[in-house]
Amino acid sequence: MHPHVYEHKNPNCAELIRQLEECHARGLWSKLTNECGGLKDALNACLAAEFNENRKTNTDEARKRRQRVRELWKELDEDK
């Protein structure tokens, strides 16, 4: 079971989150018979795609910040 997810933190997967919560709200029987399994798999795939997208964005931003720091250090070294 994955940890609880929130719609506001995962906007791309909000509809799947709602559908899975509704499926789980139907009762224990729907959980035990794996009625919600397809939704859970779809949600996991959506969350993984969102995670990878966020990771790529964060990596790109970190590279830009590191490059800017290198440029600033280079400017400081040239001023000496």
Foldseek 3Di string as FASTA:
>chain_A
DDDQDDCVVQVVCNVLSVVLVVQPVVDDVSVVVCVCVVSVVVSVVSVVVVVVVVVVVVVVVVVVVVVVVVVVVVVVVVVD
